[in-house]
């Protein structure tokens, strides 16, 4: 009995050793490949080209179900009943299998008996779906859905997202339904995010290292400008928005409009609207009858512009350019801030008198900005600052000179405007000189008129005298003739 037990133990040990030794060999027979849904994959085996006339058969197995994909016998090809049979073909000479337009259901075990031992390939299929078909407006969120399928137990995947600069982007995982489905979210896309992104999928067991690229197009405003534009009364201002639809080759049509909300007013005025065709042609139409602004015409450009030749204080406010496509909108706003200076009373400063200089801007100022009156007189500097959030500042003036008003934000002077205070006598001297010049011109004009009238009177008098002489001559001639007749 002891010998029988020893024999049994030896046999079991041998079987165990053989099993442990064959397990790696069997594992080596099964290869792993990955594919991406919608694309093609070529399944490679260890077939040698020496046996060119050998019969070849590819089979597909998922779970417990097995079916034939394609068979090559005597140089004739027969398609089987596997789901991907109509999308499969053998590559000549190598007898490798190419499967086109992969789907998640194509995952499974593919076996090839073109050679011995039989090759077995485990195909893992990934499907990446991008929300909105990869077409977004600025500030919209991107959602990625990653699906995975294989015939074995599903691995736990590690997913990383790389942007167009090949930098890792932190995403939010919204959903993780078992290892087969992952949903990731990236918030508030920018126009500069347009380009080719990459999703990197990794797993240790089984070993998976797959890159999946996808395109992102973000329609919006390129060449970002400052949100606030500062100017002074009387200047020419151009507000512009550059659309990036040509740069990213956006192929869908969309519409847009430009609205203006005056400072301190809730009423909105539509200045213009525009549309972009699928041929990427931009057409603009003026909608407002305001004559103080112009729309420069640019036939081949992709820029929306508004030109104000002589800006006034009441032209300030919010200028908002809005894009719309399929009931989705995005917008970009420019705030126009205008500065103006004035004096009360206006005109020259009389001796011993005072005047108040007022500097104001349209709209309230942020906490990091203020107005500043400054006058430099020799080496002395006079400064008056506005109160916090005040949009105006006053200064009392009792002496002539030039004052400068500055708008300061974060210790940076944004805009400035000056006002020169003149003395009254200087202004009066100018008035006297002007009056003298005007009187001289008037006297010379009157003298010219008198000379012309005198010459005309002289001519009329000479003409009357000649006519009188002619009448006298005719009268004397007639009398003489009458006397001659009486003597006869």
Protein backbone atom coordinates (compact mmCIF):
# COMPACT_ATOMS: atom_id res chain seq x y z
CA UNK A 1 0.00 0.00 0.00
CA UNK A 2 2.80 2.33 0.83
CA UNK A 3 4.38 1.57 -2.55
CA UNK A 4 1.07 2.24 -4.32
CA UNK A 5 0.74 5.53 -2.45
CA UNK A 6 4.27 6.47 -3.37
CA UNK A 7 3.61 5.65 -7.03
CA UNK A 8 0.40 7.70 -7.05
CA UNK A 9 2.20 10.61 -5.43
CA UNK A 10 4.98 10.38 -8.00
CA UNK A 11 2.48 10.31 -10.86
CA UNK A 12 0.64 13.35 -9.45
CA UNK A 13 3.92 15.16 -9.03
CA UNK A 14 4.88 14.41 -12.62
CA UNK A 15 1.47 15.56 -13.88
CA UNK A 16 1.74 18.77 -11.84
CA UNK A 17 5.22 19.45 -13.15
CA UNK A 18 4.08 18.83 -16.71
CA UNK A 19 1.07 21.11 -16.20
CA UNK A 20 3.21 23.88 -14.76
CA UNK A 21 5.68 23.48 -17.58
CA UNK A 22 3.04 23.46 -20.29
CA UNK A 23 1.10 26.44 -18.93
CA UNK A 24 3.67 29.03 -20.09
CA UNK A 25 3.90 27.22 -23.41
CA UNK A 26 0.13 27.38 -23.86
CA UNK A 27 0.10 30.98 -22.75
CA UNK A 28 2.72 31.78 -25.33
CA UNK A 29 0.45 30.46 -28.04
CA UNK A 30 -2.14 33.19 -27.31
CA UNK A 31 -1.16 36.65 -28.47
CA UNK A 32 -2.85 39.94 -27.57
CA UNK A 33 -3.79 42.73 -29.92
CA UNK A 34 -5.89 45.85 -29.54
CA UNK A 35 -8.14 47.59 -32.02
CA UNK A 36 -10.21 50.76 -32.18
CA UNK A 37 -13.86 50.76 -33.21
CA UNK A 38 -14.44 52.24 -36.63
CA UNK A 39 -10.92 51.46 -37.82
CA UNK A 40 -9.21 48.33 -39.16
CA UNK A 41 -6.91 45.80 -37.52
CA UNK A 42 -4.53 43.23 -38.99
CA UNK A 43 -4.28 40.01 -36.97
CA UNK A 44 -0.80 38.55 -37.31
CA UNK A 45 0.20 34.90 -36.83
CA UNK A 46 3.38 32.84 -37.13
CA UNK A 47 2.67 31.47 -40.59
CA UNK A 48 5.80 30.69 -42.66
CA UNK A 49 5.83 31.60 -46.32
CA UNK A 50 7.52 28.34 -47.27
CA UNK A 51 4.23 26.46 -47.50
CA UNK A 52 2.40 28.52 -50.07
CA UNK A 53 -0.27 25.92 -50.98
CA UNK A 54 -1.31 25.15 -47.43
CA UNK A 55 -4.98 25.46 -46.51
CA UNK A 56 -5.81 28.21 -44.07
CA UNK A 57 -8.78 28.86 -41.81
CA UNK A 58 -9.59 31.71 -39.41
CA UNK A 59 -12.10 31.18 -36.62
CA UNK A 60 -13.71 33.53 -34.15
CA UNK A 61 -14.76 32.66 -30.62
CA UNK A 62 -16.51 34.78 -28.00
CA UNK A 63 -17.42 33.16 -24.69
CA UNK A 64 -18.57 29.67 -25.71
CA UNK A 65 -19.69 30.49 -29.27
CA UNK A 66 -17.32 29.72 -32.16
CA UNK A 67 -17.76 30.37 -35.89
CA UNK A 68 -15.70 30.43 -39.08
CA UNK A 69 -14.62 33.77 -40.51
CA UNK A 70 -12.82 32.85 -43.70
CA UNK A 71 -11.31 29.73 -45.29
CA UNK A 72 -8.66 29.41 -47.99
CA UNK A 73 -8.56 26.05 -49.78
CA UNK A 74 -6.88 25.37 -53.11
CA UNK A 75 -6.57 29.11 -53.77
CA UNK A 76 -10.30 29.57 -53.28
CA UNK A 77 -11.71 31.77 -50.52
CA UNK A 78 -14.91 30.96 -48.66
CA UNK A 79 -16.56 33.34 -46.21
CA UNK A 80 -18.01 31.89 -43.02
CA UNK A 81 -20.87 33.02 -40.77
CA UNK A 82 -18.91 34.96 -38.18
CA UNK A 83 -20.31 38.50 -37.55
CA UNK A 84 -17.28 40.14 -39.12
CA UNK A 85 -16.91 37.77 -42.08
CA UNK A 86 -18.20 40.31 -44.64
CA UNK A 87 -15.69 42.86 -43.32
CA UNK A 88 -12.71 40.49 -43.36
CA UNK A 89 -10.13 39.54 -45.95
CA UNK A 90 -6.90 37.56 -46.16
CA UNK A 91 -3.71 39.37 -46.98
CA UNK A 92 -2.01 37.51 -49.83
CA UNK A 93 1.14 35.51 -49.09
CA UNK A 94 1.15 36.23 -45.36
CA UNK A 95 -2.38 34.84 -44.79
CA UNK A 96 -2.91 37.49 -42.11
CA UNK A 97 -6.49 38.55 -41.41
CA UNK A 98 -7.60 42.14 -41.90
CA UNK A 99 -10.86 43.19 -40.26
CA UNK A 100 -12.27 46.58 -41.30
CA UNK A 101 -14.70 48.89 -39.51
CA UNK A 102 -14.24 47.26 -36.13
CA UNK A 103 -17.04 47.21 -33.58
CA UNK A 104 -17.06 46.35 -29.89
CA UNK A 105 -18.67 43.00 -30.71
CA UNK A 106 -15.60 42.02 -32.73
CA UNK A 107 -13.62 41.47 -29.51
CA UNK A 108 -12.82 37.82 -28.78
CA UNK A 109 -10.43 34.96 -29.59
CA UNK A 110 -9.25 34.60 -33.19
CA UNK A 111 -7.54 31.32 -34.13
CA UNK A 112 -5.58 30.53 -37.25
CA UNK A 113 -4.79 26.96 -38.30
CA UNK A 114 -2.57 27.92 -41.23
CA UNK A 115 0.33 26.38 -39.41
CA UNK A 116 1.14 24.17 -36.47
CA UNK A 117 0.75 24.82 -33.61
CA UNK A 118 -2.48 26.77 -34.02
CA UNK A 119 -2.13 30.51 -33.32
CA UNK A 120 -4.57 32.12 -30.95
CA UNK A 121 -5.02 35.90 -30.76
CA UNK A 122 -7.02 37.72 -28.10
CA UNK A 123 -8.44 40.93 -29.57
CA UNK A 124 -9.39 43.81 -27.23
CA UNK A 125 -11.55 46.49 -28.86
CA UNK A 126 -11.90 50.09 -27.62
CA UNK A 127 -14.54 52.58 -28.68
CA UNK A 128 -14.05 56.28 -27.94
CA UNK A 129 -17.05 58.58 -28.38
CA UNK A 130 -16.63 62.39 -28.28
CA UNK A 131 -19.64 64.54 -27.40
CA UNK A 132 -21.04 66.86 -30.11
CA UNK A 133 -18.99 64.91 -32.68
CA UNK A 134 -15.95 66.90 -31.57
CA UNK A 135 -17.50 70.28 -32.52
CA UNK A 136 -17.82 72.76 -29.65
CA UNK A 137 -18.34 76.41 -28.86
CA UNK A 138 -16.03 78.19 -26.43
CA UNK A 139 -16.75 77.54 -22.73
CA UNK A 140 -18.59 74.31 -23.51
CA UNK A 141 -17.66 71.03 -21.81
CA UNK A 142 -16.13 68.04 -23.56
CA UNK A 143 -17.30 64.54 -22.59
CA UNK A 144 -15.47 61.36 -23.56
CA UNK A 145 -17.02 57.89 -23.33
CA UNK A 146 -14.56 55.00 -23.48
CA UNK A 147 -15.95 51.48 -23.99
CA UNK A 148 -13.87 48.30 -23.81
CA UNK A 149 -14.65 44.71 -24.69
CA UNK A 150 -12.68 41.46 -24.63
CA UNK A 151 -13.37 37.73 -24.26
CA UNK A 152 -11.56 37.55 -20.93
CA UNK A 153 -12.31 39.27 -17.65
CA UNK A 154 -12.30 43.02 -18.17
CA UNK A 155 -9.13 44.75 -16.94
CA UNK A 156 -9.12 47.91 -14.85
CA UNK A 157 -7.81 50.66 -17.10
CA UNK A 158 -5.75 53.74 -16.40
CA UNK A 159 -6.75 56.65 -18.68
CA UNK A 160 -4.78 59.83 -19.41
CA UNK A 161 -5.78 62.69 -21.70
CA UNK A 162 -3.20 64.71 -23.67
CA UNK A 163 -4.02 68.08 -25.32
CA UNK A 164 -2.69 69.50 -28.59
CA UNK A 165 0.54 70.52 -26.83
CA UNK A 166 1.02 66.92 -25.63
CA UNK A 167 0.47 67.96 -22.03
CA UNK A 168 -1.57 65.84 -19.61
CA UNK A 169 -4.97 67.41 -18.89
CA UNK A 170 -6.76 66.75 -15.64
CA UNK A 171 -10.27 65.44 -16.24
CA UNK A 172 -13.24 64.61 -14.09
CA UNK A 173 -14.48 60.99 -14.13
CA UNK A 174 -18.27 61.24 -14.22
CA UNK A 175 -19.11 57.57 -14.48
CA UNK A 176 -17.37 54.24 -14.16
CA UNK A 177 -19.81 51.46 -14.95
CA UNK A 178 -17.71 48.37 -14.29
CA UNK A 179 -14.41 48.14 -16.14
CA UNK A 180 -16.14 48.24 -19.56
CA UNK A 181 -17.27 51.89 -19.58
CA UNK A 182 -15.62 55.13 -18.51
CA UNK A 183 -17.00 58.69 -18.91
CA UNK A 184 -14.62 61.64 -18.56
CA UNK A 185 -15.40 65.36 -18.61
CA UNK A 186 -13.24 68.37 -19.43
CA UNK A 187 -14.77 71.74 -18.54
CA UNK A 188 -14.82 75.03 -20.46
CA UNK A 189 -12.94 74.53 -23.69
CA UNK A 190 -11.14 77.48 -25.25
CA UNK A 191 -10.68 78.36 -28.92
CA UNK A 192 -6.98 77.53 -28.52
CA UNK A 193 -7.91 73.92 -27.66
CA UNK A 194 -8.71 73.16 -31.30
CA UNK A 195 -6.57 70.36 -32.74
CA UNK A 196 -5.77 66.67 -32.34
CA UNK A 197 -5.95 65.23 -28.82
CA UNK A 198 -4.88 61.80 -27.57
CA UNK A 199 -6.40 59.38 -25.08
CA UNK A 200 -3.85 56.99 -23.56
CA UNK A 201 -5.21 53.69 -22.19
CA UNK A 202 -3.00 51.49 -20.01
CA UNK A 203 -3.34 48.23 -18.09
CA UNK A 204 -0.83 46.00 -16.34
CA UNK A 205 -2.82 42.77 -16.45
CA UNK A 206 -3.36 42.02 -19.21
CA UNK A 207 -0.75 44.33 -20.66
CA UNK A 208 -2.51 47.06 -22.70
CA UNK A 209 -0.84 50.20 -23.99
CA UNK A 210 -3.11 51.91 -26.50
CA UNK A 211 -3.23 55.48 -27.86
CA UNK A 212 -6.50 56.76 -29.36
CA UNK A 213 -6.40 60.11 -31.16
CA UNK A 214 -9.42 62.34 -31.76
CA UNK A 215 -10.06 65.78 -33.20
CA UNK A 216 -11.50 68.76 -31.32
CA UNK A 217 -12.80 71.91 -33.02
CA UNK A 218 -13.76 74.84 -30.80
CA UNK A 219 -15.60 77.65 -32.58
CA UNK A 220 -15.01 81.02 -30.98
CA UNK A 221 -12.87 84.12 -30.94
CA UNK A 222 -9.17 84.01 -31.68
CA UNK A 223 -6.49 86.57 -30.87
CA UNK A 224 -8.05 87.50 -27.57
CA UNK A 225 -8.06 91.23 -26.80
CA UNK A 226 -8.46 93.01 -23.49
CA UNK A 227 -12.03 92.91 -22.22
CA UNK A 228 -11.86 96.66 -21.42
CA UNK A 229 -10.90 99.35 -23.93
CA UNK A 230 -10.07 102.86 -22.71
CA UNK A 231 -10.26 106.01 -24.83
CA UNK A 232 -10.93 109.76 -24.60
CA UNK A 233 -13.61 111.95 -26.14
CA UNK A 234 -12.95 112.79 -29.80
CA UNK A 235 -10.73 109.79 -30.57
CA UNK A 236 -11.37 107.16 -33.25
CA UNK A 237 -12.10 103.72 -31.82
CA UNK A 238 -12.27 100.33 -33.56
CA UNK A 239 -13.76 97.38 -31.68
CA UNK A 240 -13.03 94.04 -33.34
CA UNK A 241 -13.67 90.32 -32.89
CA UNK A 242 -11.68 87.77 -34.90
CA UNK A 243 -13.58 84.53 -35.60
CA UNK A 244 -11.52 81.35 -35.93
CA UNK A 245 -13.86 79.37 -38.23
CA UNK A 246 -11.43 79.49 -41.16
CA UNK A 247 -8.41 78.51 -39.09
CA UNK A 248 -10.05 75.36 -37.69
CA UNK A 249 -11.81 74.57 -41.00
CA UNK A 250 -15.27 74.66 -39.45
CA UNK A 251 -17.59 73.19 -42.09
CA UNK A 252 -20.98 73.99 -40.57
CA UNK A 253 -22.90 77.21 -41.12
CA UNK A 254 -23.69 79.48 -38.18
CA UNK A 255 -25.08 82.94 -37.40
CA UNK A 256 -24.21 85.76 -35.06
CA UNK A 257 -24.94 89.34 -34.03
CA UNK A 258 -23.33 92.34 -32.35
CA UNK A 259 -25.27 94.07 -29.58
CA UNK A 260 -24.57 97.31 -27.69
CA UNK A 261 -25.80 98.03 -24.17
CA UNK A 262 -25.15 101.72 -23.27
CA UNK A 263 -23.53 102.40 -19.94
CA UNK A 264 -26.12 102.64 -17.20
CA UNK A 265 -28.94 101.58 -19.54
CA UNK A 266 -30.71 98.22 -19.64
CA UNK A 267 -31.84 98.69 -23.26
CA UNK A 268 -29.85 96.67 -25.80
CA UNK A 269 -29.37 97.79 -29.41
CA UNK A 270 -28.55 95.35 -32.21
CA UNK A 271 -25.87 97.02 -34.33
CA UNK A 272 -25.40 94.28 -36.91
CA UNK A 273 -25.97 90.62 -37.63
CA UNK A 274 -23.96 88.19 -39.74
CA UNK A 275 -23.97 84.64 -41.04
CA UNK A 276 -21.28 82.23 -42.15
CA UNK A 277 -22.11 79.71 -44.86
CA UNK A 278 -20.84 76.16 -45.14
CA UNK A 279 -18.36 77.53 -47.71
CA UNK A 280 -16.93 79.69 -44.90
CA UNK A 281 -18.18 82.97 -46.43
CA UNK A 282 -18.96 85.82 -44.02
CA UNK A 283 -21.89 88.18 -44.72
CA UNK A 284 -22.66 91.22 -42.51
CA UNK A 285 -25.79 93.41 -42.36
CA UNK A 286 -26.19 96.70 -40.47
CA UNK A 287 -29.31 96.59 -38.31
CA UNK A 288 -29.20 99.94 -36.47
CA UNK A 289 -29.89 103.41 -37.87
CA UNK A 290 -27.31 105.03 -35.58
CA UNK A 291 -25.01 107.19 -37.72
CA UNK A 292 -22.19 107.53 -35.20
CA UNK A 293 -20.67 104.14 -36.00
CA UNK A 294 -19.44 102.51 -39.19
CA UNK A 295 -18.90 98.91 -40.33
CA UNK A 296 -15.71 98.55 -42.38
CA UNK A 297 -16.21 96.18 -45.28
CA UNK A 298 -13.85 93.19 -45.49
CA UNK A 299 -14.84 90.69 -48.16
CA UNK A 300 -12.37 87.90 -47.43
CA UNK A 301 -11.75 88.51 -43.75
CA UNK A 302 -13.23 86.74 -40.74
CA UNK A 303 -13.34 89.79 -38.45
CA UNK A 304 -16.35 91.62 -37.05
CA UNK A 305 -15.54 95.33 -36.60
CA UNK A 306 -17.27 98.49 -35.42
CA UNK A 307 -15.64 101.87 -36.05
CA UNK A 308 -16.55 105.01 -34.07
CA UNK A 309 -14.87 108.04 -35.79
CA UNK A 310 -15.40 110.59 -32.97
CA UNK A 311 -16.25 108.82 -29.76
CA UNK A 312 -18.42 110.58 -27.18
CA UNK A 313 -19.18 109.81 -23.57
CA UNK A 314 -22.58 108.33 -24.45
CA UNK A 315 -20.96 105.79 -26.81
CA UNK A 316 -19.58 103.85 -23.87
CA UNK A 317 -21.03 100.57 -22.63
CA UNK A 318 -20.91 96.84 -23.37
CA UNK A 319 -20.34 95.65 -26.95
CA UNK A 320 -21.22 91.95 -27.14
CA UNK A 321 -20.50 89.67 -30.13
CA UNK A 322 -22.54 86.45 -30.04
CA UNK A 323 -22.27 83.24 -32.10
CA UNK A 324 -25.14 80.77 -32.40
CA UNK A 325 -25.37 77.27 -33.86
CA UNK A 326 -28.09 74.68 -33.23
CA UNK A 327 -29.51 76.72 -30.30
CA UNK A 328 -26.08 76.80 -28.65
CA UNK A 329 -24.45 80.18 -28.09
CA UNK A 330 -21.15 81.70 -27.07
CA UNK A 331 -20.19 85.34 -26.75
CA UNK A 332 -17.33 87.76 -26.23
CA UNK A 333 -17.77 91.20 -24.64
CA UNK A 334 -15.74 94.39 -24.93
CA UNK A 335 -16.37 97.21 -22.46
CA UNK A 336 -15.71 100.71 -23.84
CA UNK A 337 -14.70 103.23 -21.17
CA UNK A 338 -14.57 106.91 -22.26
CA UNK A 339 -12.90 109.81 -20.42
CA UNK A 340 -14.01 113.45 -20.58
CA UNK A 341 -12.81 116.68 -18.89
CA UNK A 342 -14.66 119.99 -18.49
CA UNK A 343 -14.50 123.27 -16.54
CA UNK A 344 -17.11 125.24 -14.55
CA UNK A 345 -17.36 128.11 -15.34
CA UNK A 346 -16.08 127.59 -18.86
CA UNK A 347 -13.70 130.08 -20.43
CA UNK A 348 -10.76 132.05 -19.01
CA UNK A 349 -10.02 132.37 -15.33
CA UNK A 350 -10.58 135.93 -14.10
CA UNK A 351 -8.12 137.46 -11.66
CA UNK A 352 -8.96 136.44 -8.12
CA UNK A 353 -11.59 133.98 -9.36
CA UNK A 354 -11.88 130.19 -9.14
CA UNK A 355 -13.03 127.42 -11.41
CA UNK A 356 -13.76 123.70 -10.94
CA UNK A 357 -12.22 121.15 -13.25
CA UNK A 358 -14.18 117.89 -13.64
CA UNK A 359 -12.70 114.64 -14.92
CA UNK A 360 -15.07 111.72 -15.40
CA UNK A 361 -15.24 108.31 -17.05
CA UNK A 362 -18.25 106.29 -18.10
CA UNK A 363 -19.20 103.64 -15.60
CA UNK A 364 -18.03 102.80 -12.08
CA UNK A 365 -14.38 101.96 -11.49
CA UNK A 366 -13.15 98.70 -9.94
CA UNK A 367 -11.47 98.76 -6.55
CA UNK A 368 -7.99 98.68 -8.12
CA UNK A 369 -8.58 101.81 -10.26
CA UNK A 370 -8.91 105.54 -9.57
CA UNK A 371 -8.87 108.95 -11.29
CA UNK A 372 -6.09 111.44 -10.68
CA UNK A 373 -5.79 115.19 -11.38
CA UNK A 374 -2.16 116.31 -11.60
CA UNK A 375 -0.61 119.74 -12.21
CA UNK A 376 3.10 120.41 -12.40
CA UNK A 377 4.15 123.98 -11.58
CA UNK A 378 7.91 124.26 -11.59
CA UNK A 379 9.10 121.70 -9.06
CA UNK A 380 5.80 121.49 -7.21
CA UNK A 381 3.21 118.87 -8.03
CA UNK A 382 -0.46 119.15 -7.10
CA UNK A 383 -2.42 115.89 -6.99
CA UNK A 384 -6.09 115.14 -6.35
CA UNK A 385 -7.38 111.53 -6.32
CA UNK A 386 -10.91 110.20 -6.64
CA UNK A 387 -12.64 108.22 -3.92
CA UNK A 388 -12.84 104.43 -4.23
CA UNK A 389 -15.34 103.30 -6.89
CA UNK A 390 -15.96 106.96 -7.87
CA UNK A 391 -16.08 107.58 -11.62
CA UNK A 392 -15.26 111.29 -11.34
CA UNK A 393 -12.89 113.65 -9.57
CA UNK A 394 -13.01 117.45 -9.15
CA UNK A 395 -10.31 119.97 -8.42
CA UNK A 396 -10.66 123.68 -7.53
CA UNK A 397 -8.32 125.92 -9.56
CA UNK A 398 -7.34 129.52 -8.71
CA UNK A 399 -4.28 129.91 -10.95
CA UNK A 400 -3.65 129.37 -14.66
CA UNK A 401 -1.78 126.31 -15.90
CA UNK A 402 -2.19 122.88 -17.51
CA UNK A 403 -3.80 120.02 -15.60
CA UNK A 404 -3.63 116.33 -16.58
CA UNK A 405 -6.25 113.74 -15.63
CA UNK A 406 -5.16 110.08 -15.49
CA UNK A 407 -7.04 106.83 -15.14
CA UNK A 408 -4.82 104.56 -13.07
CA UNK A 409 -5.39 100.82 -12.73
CA UNK A 410 -3.01 98.60 -10.74
CA UNK A 411 -0.54 101.51 -10.72
CA UNK A 412 -0.61 101.61 -14.54
CA UNK A 413 -1.82 104.75 -16.31
CA UNK A 414 -4.37 103.60 -18.89
CA UNK A 415 -5.45 106.90 -20.46
CA UNK A 416 -4.98 110.64 -19.86
CA UNK A 417 -6.56 113.92 -20.92
CA UNK A 418 -5.36 117.48 -20.25
CA UNK A 419 -7.06 120.84 -19.72
CA UNK A 420 -5.32 124.24 -19.95
CA UNK A 421 -6.58 127.06 -17.69
CA UNK A 422 -5.90 130.54 -19.19
CA UNK A 423 -5.98 133.96 -17.55
CA UNK A 424 -8.73 136.38 -18.51
CA UNK A 425 -6.40 139.21 -19.65
CA UNK A 426 -4.64 136.90 -22.02
CA UNK A 427 -7.95 135.99 -23.48
CA UNK A 428 -9.02 139.71 -23.62
CA UNK A 429 -5.82 140.65 -25.46
CA UNK A 430 -6.64 138.05 -28.02
CA UNK A 431 -10.17 139.47 -28.26
CA UNK A 432 -8.89 143.07 -28.70
CA UNK A 433 -6.46 142.02 -31.40
CA UNK A 434 -9.24 140.17 -33.12
CA UNK A 435 -11.57 143.17 -32.85
CA UNK A 436 -8.91 145.51 -34.32
CA UNK A 437 -8.25 143.21 -37.20
CA UNK A 438 -11.99 142.86 -37.80
CA UNK A 439 -12.54 146.64 -37.70
CA UNK A 440 -9.66 147.24 -40.12
CA UNK A 441 -11.11 144.78 -42.56
CA UNK A 442 -14.51 146.47 -42.20
CA UNK A 443 -13.06 149.95 -42.85
CA UNK A 444 -11.16 148.80 -45.91
CA UNK A 445 -14.32 147.16 -47.19
CA UNK A 446 -16.37 150.34 -46.67
CA UNK A 447 -13.71 152.45 -48.38
CA UNK A 448 -13.76 150.15 -51.38
CA UNK A 449 -17.54 150.41 -51.56
CA UNK A 450 -17.38 154.24 -51.40
CA UNK A 451 -14.77 154.47 -54.13
CA UNK A 452 -16.79 152.21 -56.38
CA UNK A 453 -19.98 154.20 -55.77
CA UNK A 454 -18.11 157.53 -56.36
CA UNK A 455 -16.75 156.34 -59.68
CA UNK A 456 -20.21 155.20 -60.75
CA UNK A 457 -21.69 158.60 -59.81
CA UNK A 458 -19.00 160.44 -61.78
CA UNK A 459 -19.77 158.34 -64.87
CA UNK A 460 -23.51 159.00 -64.55
CA UNK A 461 -22.91 162.81 -64.20
CA UNK A 462 -20.71 162.97 -67.33
CA UNK A 463 -23.28 161.00 -69.27
CA UNK A 464 -26.10 163.41 -68.20
CA UNK A 465 -23.97 166.43 -69.15
CA UNK A 466 -23.30 165.06 -72.64
CA UNK A 467 -27.00 164.38 -73.17
CA UNK A 468 -27.87 167.97 -72.14
CA UNK A 469 -25.33 169.36 -74.57
CA UNK A 470 -26.74 167.23 -77.34
CA UNK A 471 -30.27 168.48 -76.66
CA UNK A 472 -29.05 172.11 -76.69
CA UNK A 473 -27.29 171.59 -79.97
CA UNK A 474 -30.37 170.10 -81.59
CA UNK A 475 -32.52 172.94 -80.29
CA UNK A 476 -30.16 175.65 -81.66
CA UNK A 477 -30.02 173.94 -85.05
CA UNK A 478 -33.82 173.85 -85.33
CA UNK A 479 -34.20 177.59 -84.47
CA UNK A 480 -31.69 178.56 -87.09
CA UNK A 481 -33.61 176.75 -89.82
CA UNK A 482 -36.89 178.52 -88.90
CA UNK A 483 -35.33 181.98 -89.19
CA UNK A 484 -34.03 181.26 -92.71
CA UNK A 485 -37.51 180.39 -93.94
CA UNK A 486 -39.00 183.73 -92.66
CA UNK A 487 -36.46 185.82 -94.61
CA UNK A 488 -37.36 184.14 -97.82
